[in-house]
Amino acid sequence: MFLTPRGDSKGLYVTNETAGSFEVHEQGGGRSSIAFDYRVVAERKGFEKIRMEDRTRFFTKQTMAERGMMKRGAPAMTVPQPQHGKSVLHPVTQNVQR
């Protein structure tokens, strides 16, 4: 679980995690009411021991250029930028309460 506060706070932490919910609190007894983003990362059941194939060789400058995946002089990898009115990650606004 990754939490990103969207304002000034003493830090955030998660409690009472279940398969369908979790609670977010502010550290140090803080009482802020700020928005935050969160990201949940988990292993897929039944695939815990399977690792993704290393495909790094497909993303070198040379191989990307050969596939027409990059412009001349561009960096090997670029970070996708959000389109107007759309976000890459869907922020969720929650109130942080103690």
PDB file of N, CA and C in Angstrom:
ATOM      1  N   MET A   1       0.846  -1.158   0.000  1.00  0.00           N
ATOM      2  CA  MET A   1       0.000   0.000   0.000  1.00  0.00           C
ATOM      3  C   MET A   1       0.899   1.230   0.000  1.00  0.00           C
ATOM      4  N   PHE A   2       0.650   2.139  -0.916  1.00  0.00           N
ATOM      5  CA  PHE A   2       1.396   3.385  -1.005  1.00  0.00           C
ATOM      6  C   PHE A   2       0.427   4.545  -0.831  1.00  0.00           C
ATOM      7  N   LEU A   3       0.728   5.438   0.097  1.00  0.00           N
ATOM      8  CA  LEU A   3      -0.106   6.607   0.353  1.00  0.00           C
ATOM      9  C   LEU A   3       0.656   7.868  -0.010  1.00  0.00           C
ATOM     10  N   THR A   4      -0.024   8.814  -0.655  1.00  0.00           N
ATOM     11  CA  THR A   4       0.576  10.102  -0.998  1.00  0.00           C
ATOM     12  C   THR A   4      -0.344  11.205  -0.507  1.00  0.00           C
ATOM     13  N   PRO A   5       0.056  11.915   0.556  1.00  0.00           N
ATOM     14  CA  PRO A   5      -0.781  13.026   1.019  1.00  0.00           C
ATOM     15  C   PRO A   5      -0.823  14.138  -0.017  1.00  0.00           C
ATOM     16  N   ARG A   6      -1.969  14.783  -0.183  1.00  0.00           N
ATOM     17  CA  ARG A   6      -2.133  15.869  -1.143  1.00  0.00           C
ATOM     18  C   ARG A   6      -2.140  17.230  -0.451  1.00  0.00           C
ATOM     19  N   GLY A   7      -1.515  17.270   0.721  1.00  0.00           N
ATOM     20  CA  GLY A   7      -1.422  18.503   1.475  1.00  0.00           C
ATOM     21  C   GLY A   7      -0.473  18.299   2.642  1.00  0.00           C
ATOM     22  N   ASP A   8      -0.350  19.320   3.474  1.00  0.00           N
ATOM     23  CA  ASP A   8       0.548  19.274   4.626  1.00  0.00           C
ATOM     24  C   ASP A   8      -0.012  18.344   5.690  1.00  0.00           C
ATOM     25  N   SER A   9       0.805  17.430   6.165  1.00  0.00           N
ATOM     26  CA  SER A   9       0.387  16.503   7.228  1.00  0.00           C
ATOM     27  C   SER A   9       1.618  16.012   7.972  1.00  0.00           C
ATOM     28  N   LYS A  10       1.376  15.286   9.047  1.00  0.00           N
ATOM     29  CA  LYS A  10       2.467  14.687   9.816  1.00  0.00           C
ATOM     30  C   LYS A  10       2.836  13.305   9.283  1.00  0.00           C
ATOM     31  N   GLY A  11       2.216  12.906   8.183  1.00  0.00           N
ATOM     32  CA  GLY A  11       2.436  11.582   7.612  1.00  0.00           C
ATOM     33  C   GLY A  11       1.188  10.740   7.766  1.00  0.00           C
ATOM     34  N   LEU A  12       1.030   9.750   6.906  1.00  0.00           N
ATOM     35  CA  LEU A  12      -0.157   8.894   6.918  1.00  0.00           C
ATOM     36  C   LEU A  12       0.232   7.440   7.134  1.00  0.00           C
ATOM     37  N   TYR A  13      -0.685   6.684   7.721  1.00  0.00           N
ATOM     38  CA  TYR A  13      -0.481   5.243   7.854  1.00  0.00           C
ATOM     39  C   TYR A  13      -1.812   4.516   7.725  1.00  0.00           C
ATOM     40  N   VAL A  14      -1.741   3.204   7.450  1.00  0.00           N
ATOM     41  CA  VAL A  14      -2.918   2.378   7.195  1.00  0.00           C
ATOM     42  C   VAL A  14      -3.149   1.428   8.360  1.00  0.00           C
ATOM     43  N   THR A  15      -4.422   1.259   8.748  1.00  0.00           N
ATOM     44  CA  THR A  15      -4.809   0.263   9.748  1.00  0.00           C
ATOM     45  C   THR A  15      -6.047  -0.484   9.252  1.00  0.00           C
ATOM     46  N   ASN A  16      -6.401  -1.532   9.962  1.00  0.00           N
ATOM     47  CA  ASN A  16      -7.629  -2.302   9.714  1.00  0.00           C
ATOM     48  C   ASN A  16      -7.799  -2.697   8.249  1.00  0.00           C
ATOM     49  N   GLU A  17      -6.740  -3.279   7.689  1.00  0.00           N
ATOM     50  CA  GLU A  17      -6.802  -3.726   6.300  1.00  0.00           C
ATOM     51  C   GLU A  17      -7.621  -5.006   6.204  1.00  0.00           C
ATOM     52  N   THR A  18      -8.545  -5.046   5.263  1.00  0.00           N
ATOM     53  CA  THR A  18      -9.295  -6.257   4.931  1.00  0.00           C
ATOM     54  C   THR A  18      -9.244  -6.430   3.419  1.00  0.00           C
ATOM     55  N   ALA A  19      -9.878  -7.473   2.920  1.00  0.00           N
ATOM     56  CA  ALA A  19      -9.900  -7.689   1.477  1.00  0.00           C
ATOM     57  C   ALA A  19     -10.674  -6.596   0.750  1.00  0.00           C
ATOM     58  N   GLY A  20     -11.553  -5.903   1.449  1.00  0.00           N
ATOM     59  CA  GLY A  20     -12.381  -4.901   0.787  1.00  0.00           C
ATOM     60  C   GLY A  20     -12.229  -3.474   1.272  1.00  0.00           C
ATOM     61  N   SER A  21     -11.412  -3.236   2.308  1.00  0.00           N
ATOM     62  CA  SER A  21     -11.304  -1.873   2.817  1.00  0.00           C
ATOM     63  C   SER A  21     -10.050  -1.692   3.662  1.00  0.00           C
ATOM     64  N   PHE A  22      -9.788  -0.437   4.022  1.00  0.00           N
ATOM     65  CA  PHE A  22      -8.694  -0.094   4.925  1.00  0.00           C
ATOM     66  C   PHE A  22      -8.979   1.284   5.487  1.00  0.00           C
ATOM     67  N   GLU A  23      -8.309   1.618   6.585  1.00  0.00           N
ATOM     68  CA  GLU A  23      -8.452   2.930   7.205  1.00  0.00           C
ATOM     69  C   GLU A  23      -7.128   3.669   7.116  1.00  0.00           C
ATOM     70  N   VAL A  24      -7.198   4.976   6.890  1.00  0.00           N
ATOM     71  CA  VAL A  24      -6.010   5.819   6.815  1.00  0.00           C
ATOM     72  C   VAL A  24      -6.059   6.820   7.959  1.00  0.00           C
ATOM     73  N   HIS A  25      -4.945   6.946   8.678  1.00  0.00           N
ATOM     74  CA  HIS A  25      -4.846   7.861   9.816  1.00  0.00           C
ATOM     75  C   HIS A  25      -3.611   8.737   9.651  1.00  0.00           C
ATOM     76  N   GLU A  26      -3.603   9.867  10.352  1.00  0.00           N
ATOM     77  CA  GLU A  26      -2.439  10.733  10.343  1.00  0.00           C
ATOM     78  C   GLU A  26      -1.544  10.380  11.524  1.00  0.00           C
ATOM     79  N   GLN A  27      -0.245  10.370  11.272  1.00  0.00           N
ATOM     80  CA  GLN A  27       0.721  10.049  12.321  1.00  0.00           C
ATOM     81  C   GLN A  27       0.766  11.139  13.380  1.00  0.00           C
ATOM     82  N   GLY A  28       1.287  10.777  14.534  1.00  0.00           N
ATOM     83  CA  GLY A  28       1.518  11.731  15.612  1.00  0.00           C
ATOM     84  C   GLY A  28       0.253  12.348  16.171  1.00  0.00           C
ATOM     85  N   GLY A  29      -0.871  11.665  16.016  1.00  0.00           N
ATOM     86  CA  GLY A  29      -2.122  12.200  16.542  1.00  0.00           C
ATOM     87  C   GLY A  29      -2.653  13.379  15.748  1.00  0.00           C
ATOM     88  N   GLY A  30      -2.153  13.569  14.542  1.00  0.00           N
ATOM     89  CA  GLY A  30      -2.601  14.680  13.707  1.00  0.00           C
ATOM     90  C   GLY A  30      -4.079  14.606  13.385  1.00  0.00           C
ATOM     91  N   ARG A  31      -4.687  15.741  13.130  1.00  0.00           N
ATOM     92  CA  ARG A  31      -6.125  15.810  12.877  1.00  0.00           C
ATOM     93  C   ARG A  31      -6.420  16.505  11.546  1.00  0.00           C
ATOM     94  N   SER A  32      -5.503  16.427  10.597  1.00  0.00           N
ATOM     95  CA  SER A  32      -5.709  17.065   9.290  1.00  0.00           C
ATOM     96  C   SER A  32      -6.904  16.462   8.575  1.00  0.00           C
ATOM     97  N   SER A  33      -7.455  17.221   7.679  1.00  0.00           N
ATOM     98  CA  SER A  33      -8.502  16.729   6.790  1.00  0.00           C
ATOM     99  C   SER A  33      -8.031  17.034   5.374  1.00  0.00           C
ATOM    100  N   ILE A  34      -7.172  16.148   4.855  1.00  0.00           N
ATOM    101  CA  ILE A  34      -6.560  16.368   3.548  1.00  0.00           C
ATOM    102  C   ILE A  34      -6.929  15.243   2.594  1.00  0.00           C
ATOM    103  N   ALA A  35      -6.829  15.535   1.320  1.00  0.00           N
ATOM    104  CA  ALA A  35      -7.003  14.496   0.308  1.00  0.00           C
ATOM    105  C   ALA A  35      -5.701  13.698   0.214  1.00  0.00           C
ATOM    106  N   PHE A  36      -5.803  12.466  -0.268  1.00  0.00           N
ATOM    107  CA  PHE A  36      -4.615  11.649  -0.495  1.00  0.00           C
ATOM    108  C   PHE A  36      -4.863  10.699  -1.644  1.00  0.00           C
ATOM    109  N   ASP A  37      -3.783  10.270  -2.274  1.00  0.00           N
ATOM    110  CA  ASP A  37      -3.835   9.246  -3.313  1.00  0.00           C
ATOM    111  C   ASP A  37      -3.349   7.950  -2.694  1.00  0.00           C
ATOM    112  N   TYR A  38      -3.826   6.825  -3.219  1.00  0.00           N
ATOM    113  CA  TYR A  38      -3.301   5.555  -2.747  1.00  0.00           C
ATOM    114  C   TYR A  38      -3.143   4.593  -3.913  1.00  0.00           C
ATOM    115  N   ARG A  39      -2.234   3.648  -3.708  1.00  0.00           N
ATOM    116  CA  ARG A  39      -1.957   2.620  -4.708  1.00  0.00           C
ATOM    117  C   ARG A  39      -1.795   1.302  -3.966  1.00  0.00           C
ATOM    118  N   VAL A  40      -2.534   0.304  -4.390  1.00  0.00           N
ATOM    119  CA  VAL A  40      -2.458  -1.019  -3.779  1.00  0.00           C
ATOM    120  C   VAL A  40      -1.714  -1.943  -4.746  1.00  0.00           C
ATOM    121  N   VAL A  41      -0.706  -2.636  -4.232  1.00  0.00           N
ATOM    122  CA  VAL A  41       0.069  -3.571  -5.031  1.00  0.00           C
ATOM    123  C   VAL A  41      -0.038  -4.938  -4.359  1.00  0.00           C
ATOM    124  N   ALA A  42      -0.338  -5.962  -5.145  1.00  0.00           N
ATOM    125  CA  ALA A  42      -0.498  -7.299  -4.569  1.00  0.00           C
ATOM    126  C   ALA A  42      -0.069  -8.354  -5.578  1.00  0.00           C
ATOM    127  N   GLU A  43       0.210  -9.533  -5.073  1.00  0.00           N
ATOM    128  CA  GLU A  43       0.501 -10.663  -5.942  1.00  0.00           C
ATOM    129  C   GLU A  43      -0.800 -11.362  -6.286  1.00  0.00           C
ATOM    130  N   ARG A  44      -0.913 -11.808  -7.523  1.00  0.00           N
ATOM    131  CA  ARG A  44      -2.117 -12.506  -7.966  1.00  0.00           C
ATOM    132  C   ARG A  44      -2.139 -13.909  -7.364  1.00  0.00           C
ATOM    133  N   LYS A  45      -3.265 -14.289  -6.793  1.00  0.00           N
ATOM    134  CA  LYS A  45      -3.401 -15.599  -6.157  1.00  0.00           C
ATOM    135  C   LYS A  45      -3.129 -16.698  -7.182  1.00  0.00           C
ATOM    136  N   GLY A  46      -2.282 -17.644  -6.786  1.00  0.00           N
ATOM    137  CA  GLY A  46      -1.921 -18.745  -7.671  1.00  0.00           C
ATOM    138  C   GLY A  46      -0.695 -18.453  -8.530  1.00  0.00           C
ATOM    139  N   PHE A  47      -0.217 -17.195  -8.500  1.00  0.00           N
ATOM    140  CA  PHE A  47       0.932 -16.796  -9.305  1.00  0.00           C
ATOM    141  C   PHE A  47       2.054 -16.248  -8.429  1.00  0.00           C
ATOM    142  N   GLU A  48       2.013 -16.531  -7.132  1.00  0.00           N
ATOM    143  CA  GLU A  48       2.972 -15.949  -6.190  1.00  0.00           C
ATOM    144  C   GLU A  48       4.427 -16.252  -6.540  1.00  0.00           C
ATOM    145  N   LYS A  49       4.695 -17.409  -7.113  1.00  0.00           N
ATOM    146  CA  LYS A  49       6.079 -17.795  -7.387  1.00  0.00           C
ATOM    147  C   LYS A  49       6.491 -17.542  -8.830  1.00  0.00           C
ATOM    148  N   ILE A  50       5.611 -16.993  -9.638  1.00  0.00           N
ATOM    149  CA  ILE A  50       5.921 -16.726 -11.039  1.00  0.00           C
ATOM    150  C   ILE A  50       6.397 -15.285 -11.157  1.00  0.00           C
ATOM    151  N   ARG A  51       7.552 -15.128 -11.784  1.00  0.00           N
ATOM    152  CA  ARG A  51       8.114 -13.787 -11.969  1.00  0.00           C
ATOM    153  C   ARG A  51       7.945 -13.376 -13.426  1.00  0.00           C
ATOM    154  N   MET A  52       7.867 -12.077 -13.633  1.00  0.00           N
ATOM    155  CA  MET A  52       7.750 -11.572 -14.997  1.00  0.00           C
ATOM    156  C   MET A  52       9.067 -11.809 -15.741  1.00  0.00           C
ATOM    157  N   GLU A  53       8.950 -12.092 -17.022  1.00  0.00           N
ATOM    158  CA  GLU A  53      10.125 -12.286 -17.865  1.00  0.00           C
ATOM    159  C   GLU A  53      10.872 -10.958 -18.011  1.00  0.00           C
ATOM    160  N   ASP A  54      12.201 -11.030 -17.932  1.00  0.00           N
ATOM    161  CA  ASP A  54      13.022  -9.834 -18.113  1.00  0.00           C
ATOM    162  C   ASP A  54      13.009  -9.451 -19.589  1.00  0.00           C
ATOM    163  N   ARG A  55      12.448  -8.289 -19.882  1.00  0.00           N
ATOM    164  CA  ARG A  55      12.352  -7.827 -21.265  1.00  0.00           C
ATOM    165  C   ARG A  55      13.137  -6.535 -21.472  1.00  0.00           C
ATOM    166  N   THR A  56      14.100  -6.281 -20.588  1.00  0.00           N
ATOM    167  CA  THR A  56      14.895  -5.060 -20.652  1.00  0.00           C
ATOM    168  C   THR A  56      15.526  -4.873 -22.025  1.00  0.00           C
ATOM    169  N   ARG A  57      15.980  -5.941 -22.635  1.00  0.00           N
ATOM    170  CA  ARG A  57      16.672  -5.844 -23.926  1.00  0.00           C
ATOM    171  C   ARG A  57      15.777  -5.223 -25.003  1.00  0.00           C
ATOM    172  N   PHE A  58      14.468  -5.256 -24.835  1.00  0.00           N
ATOM    173  CA  PHE A  58      13.560  -4.687 -25.823  1.00  0.00           C
ATOM    174  C   PHE A  58      13.424  -3.167 -25.701  1.00  0.00           C
ATOM    175  N   PHE A  59      14.029  -2.586 -24.657  1.00  0.00           N
ATOM    176  CA  PHE A  59      13.859  -1.165 -24.417  1.00  0.00           C
ATOM    177  C   PHE A  59      15.187  -0.405 -24.405  1.00  0.00           C
ATOM    178  N   THR A  60      16.150  -0.882 -25.161  1.00  0.00           N
ATOM    179  CA  THR A  60      17.387  -0.118 -25.329  1.00  0.00           C
ATOM    180  C   THR A  60      17.134   0.927 -26.409  1.00  0.00           C
ATOM    181  N   LYS A  61      17.975   1.945 -26.450  1.00  0.00           N
ATOM    182  CA  LYS A  61      17.816   2.988 -27.473  1.00  0.00           C
ATOM    183  C   LYS A  61      17.835   2.384 -28.875  1.00  0.00           C
ATOM    184  N   GLN A  62      18.740   1.450 -29.086  1.00  0.00           N
ATOM    185  CA  GLN A  62      18.881   0.866 -30.417  1.00  0.00           C
ATOM    186  C   GLN A  62      17.633   0.087 -30.817  1.00  0.00           C
ATOM    187  N   THR A  63      17.158  -0.809 -29.966  1.00  0.00           N
ATOM    188  CA  THR A  63      16.006  -1.622 -30.346  1.00  0.00           C
ATOM    189  C   THR A  63      14.741  -0.785 -30.469  1.00  0.00           C
ATOM    190  N   MET A  64      14.600   0.235 -29.632  1.00  0.00           N
ATOM    191  CA  MET A  64      13.420   1.098 -29.738  1.00  0.00           C
ATOM    192  C   MET A  64      13.476   1.911 -31.030  1.00  0.00           C
ATOM    193  N   ALA A  65      14.664   2.379 -31.386  1.00  0.00           N
ATOM    194  CA  ALA A  65      14.823   3.137 -32.629  1.00  0.00           C
ATOM    195  C   ALA A  65      14.525   2.241 -33.831  1.00  0.00           C
ATOM    196  N   GLU A  66      14.994   0.993 -33.782  1.00  0.00           N
ATOM    197  CA  GLU A  66      14.750   0.055 -34.876  1.00  0.00           C
ATOM    198  C   GLU A  66      13.258  -0.207 -35.054  1.00  0.00           C
ATOM    199  N   ARG A  67      12.514  -0.167 -33.993  1.00  0.00           N
ATOM    200  CA  ARG A  67      11.064  -0.403 -34.053  1.00  0.00           C
ATOM    201  C   ARG A  67      10.274   0.885 -34.288  1.00  0.00           C
ATOM    202  N   GLY A  68      10.990   1.996 -34.426  1.00  0.00           N
ATOM    203  CA  GLY A  68      10.312   3.266 -34.650  1.00  0.00           C
ATOM    204  C   GLY A  68       9.575   3.762 -33.422  1.00  0.00           C
ATOM    205  N   MET A  69      10.043   3.361 -32.242  1.00  0.00           N
ATOM    206  CA  MET A  69       9.365   3.707 -30.997  1.00  0.00           C
ATOM    207  C   MET A  69       9.887   4.999 -30.383  1.00  0.00           C
ATOM    208  N   MET A  70      10.885   5.603 -30.989  1.00  0.00           N
ATOM    209  CA  MET A  70      11.390   6.845 -30.426  1.00  0.00           C
ATOM    210  C   MET A  70      11.888   7.748 -31.536  1.00  0.00           C
ATOM    211  N   LYS A  71      11.845   9.036 -31.263  1.00  0.00           N
ATOM    212  CA  LYS A  71      12.327  10.004 -32.222  1.00  0.00           C
ATOM    213  C   LYS A  71      13.835  10.116 -32.095  1.00  0.00           C
ATOM    214  N   ARG A  72      14.473  10.497 -33.152  1.00  0.00           N
ATOM    215  CA  ARG A  72      15.924  10.659 -33.149  1.00  0.00           C
ATOM    216  C   ARG A  72      16.337  11.634 -32.051  1.00  0.00           C
ATOM    217  N   GLY A  73      17.268  11.230 -31.195  1.00  0.00           N
ATOM    218  CA  GLY A  73      17.765  12.072 -30.128  1.00  0.00           C
ATOM    219  C   GLY A  73      16.902  12.073 -28.877  1.00  0.00           C
ATOM    220  N   ALA A  74      15.805  11.341 -28.889  1.00  0.00           N
ATOM    221  CA  ALA A  74      14.921  11.296 -27.716  1.00  0.00           C
ATOM    222  C   ALA A  74      15.483  10.333 -26.683  1.00  0.00           C
ATOM    223  N   PRO A  75      15.140  10.495 -25.407  1.00  0.00           N
ATOM    224  CA  PRO A  75      15.602   9.547 -24.397  1.00  0.00           C
ATOM    225  C   PRO A  75      15.007   8.169 -24.642  1.00  0.00           C
ATOM    226  N   ALA A  76      15.636   7.146 -24.092  1.00  0.00           N
ATOM    227  CA  ALA A  76      15.192   5.768 -24.320  1.00  0.00           C
ATOM    228  C   ALA A  76      13.794   5.528 -23.749  1.00  0.00           C
ATOM    229  N   MET A  77      13.497   6.112 -22.626  1.00  0.00           N
ATOM    230  CA  MET A  77      12.188   5.910 -22.001  1.00  0.00           C
ATOM    231  C   MET A  77      11.601   7.269 -21.654  1.00  0.00           C
ATOM    232  N   THR A  78      10.305   7.417 -21.839  1.00  0.00           N
ATOM    233  CA  THR A  78       9.636   8.647 -21.434  1.00  0.00           C
ATOM    234  C   THR A  78       8.470   8.294 -20.533  1.00  0.00           C
ATOM    235  N   VAL A  79       8.130   9.200 -19.659  1.00  0.00           N
ATOM    236  CA  VAL A  79       7.013   8.993 -18.737  1.00  0.00           C
ATOM    237  C   VAL A  79       5.754   9.515 -19.405  1.00  0.00           C
ATOM    238  N   PRO A  80       4.679   8.710 -19.476  1.00  0.00           N
ATOM    239  CA  PRO A  80       3.460   9.192 -20.105  1.00  0.00           C
ATOM    240  C   PRO A  80       2.890  10.380 -19.336  1.00  0.00           C
ATOM    241  N   GLN A  81       2.450  11.380 -20.056  1.00  0.00           N
ATOM    242  CA  GLN A  81       1.869  12.565 -19.443  1.00  0.00           C
ATOM    243  C   GLN A  81       0.351  12.454 -19.483  1.00  0.00           C
ATOM    244  N   PRO A  82      -0.327  12.908 -18.430  1.00  0.00           N
ATOM    245  CA  PRO A  82      -1.784  12.842 -18.440  1.00  0.00           C
ATOM    246  C   PRO A  82      -2.363  13.766 -19.503  1.00  0.00           C
ATOM    247  N   GLN A  83      -3.444  13.327 -20.114  1.00  0.00           N
ATOM    248  CA  GLN A  83      -4.137  14.163 -21.084  1.00  0.00           C
ATOM    249  C   GLN A  83      -5.004  15.153 -20.327  1.00  0.00           C
ATOM    250  N   HIS A  84      -5.335  16.261 -20.961  1.00  0.00           N
ATOM    251  CA  HIS A  84      -6.140  17.286 -20.309  1.00  0.00           C
ATOM    252  C   HIS A  84      -7.444  16.669 -19.791  1.00  0.00           C
ATOM    253  N   GLY A  85      -7.698  16.878 -18.521  1.00  0.00           N
ATOM    254  CA  GLY A  85      -8.929  16.374 -17.920  1.00  0.00           C
ATOM    255  C   GLY A  85      -8.872  14.928 -17.478  1.00  0.00           C
ATOM    256  N   LYS A  86      -7.737  14.266 -17.709  1.00  0.00           N
ATOM    257  CA  LYS A  86      -7.602  12.860 -17.314  1.00  0.00           C
ATOM    258  C   LYS A  86      -6.343  12.714 -16.479  1.00  0.00           C
ATOM    259  N   SER A  87      -6.350  11.796 -15.530  1.00  0.00           N
ATOM    260  CA  SER A  87      -5.157  11.560 -14.733  1.00  0.00           C
ATOM    261  C   SER A  87      -4.623  10.167 -15.014  1.00  0.00           C
ATOM    262  N   VAL A  88      -3.319  10.011 -14.841  1.00  0.00           N
ATOM    263  CA  VAL A  88      -2.702   8.703 -15.043  1.00  0.00           C
ATOM    264  C   VAL A  88      -3.156   7.759 -13.931  1.00  0.00           C
ATOM    265  N   LEU A  89      -3.081   8.230 -12.696  1.00  0.00           N
ATOM    266  CA  LEU A  89      -3.620   7.488 -11.563  1.00  0.00           C
ATOM    267  C   LEU A  89      -4.896   8.199 -11.142  1.00  0.00           C
ATOM    268  N   HIS A  90      -5.882   7.462 -10.738  1.00  0.00           N
ATOM    269  CA  HIS A  90      -7.141   8.070 -10.350  1.00  0.00           C
ATOM    270  C   HIS A  90      -7.076   8.463  -8.882  1.00  0.00           C
ATOM    271  N   PRO A  91      -6.900   9.764  -8.594  1.00  0.00           N
ATOM    272  CA  PRO A  91      -6.821  10.163  -7.199  1.00  0.00           C
ATOM    273  C   PRO A  91      -8.150   9.953  -6.487  1.00  0.00           C
ATOM    274  N   VAL A  92      -8.057   9.545  -5.247  1.00  0.00           N
ATOM    275  CA  VAL A  92      -9.239   9.344  -4.429  1.00  0.00           C
ATOM    276  C   VAL A  92      -9.151  10.299  -3.262  1.00  0.00           C
ATOM    277  N   THR A  93     -10.187  11.062  -3.066  1.00  0.00           N
ATOM    278  CA  THR A  93     -10.204  12.026  -1.975  1.00  0.00           C
ATOM    279  C   THR A  93     -10.855  11.391  -0.760  1.00  0.00           C
ATOM    280  N   GLN A  94     -10.141  11.399   0.326  1.00  0.00           N
ATOM    281  CA  GLN A  94     -10.654  10.858   1.589  1.00  0.00           C
ATOM    282  C   GLN A  94     -10.337  11.848   2.687  1.00  0.00           C
ATOM    283  N   ASN A  95     -11.118  11.870   3.722  1.00  0.00           N
ATOM    284  CA  ASN A  95     -10.800  12.666   4.884  1.00  0.00           C
ATOM    285  C   ASN A  95      -9.984  11.819   5.841  1.00  0.00           C
ATOM    286  N   VAL A  96      -8.896  12.374   6.323  1.00  0.00           N
ATOM    287  CA  VAL A  96      -8.060  11.677   7.287  1.00  0.00           C
ATOM    288  C   VAL A  96      -8.608  11.995   8.655  1.00  0.00           C
ATOM    289  N   GLN A  97      -9.072  10.979   9.362  1.00  0.00           N
ATOM    290  CA  GLN A  97      -9.654  11.195  10.691  1.00  0.00           C
ATOM    291  C   GLN A  97      -9.010  10.253  11.681  1.00  0.00           C
ATOM    292  N   ARG A  98      -8.971  10.676  12.891  1.00  0.00           N
ATOM    293  CA  ARG A  98      -8.405   9.835  13.951  1.00  0.00           C
ATOM    294  C   ARG A  98      -9.512   9.222  14.741  1.00  0.00           C
TER     295      ARG A  98
END
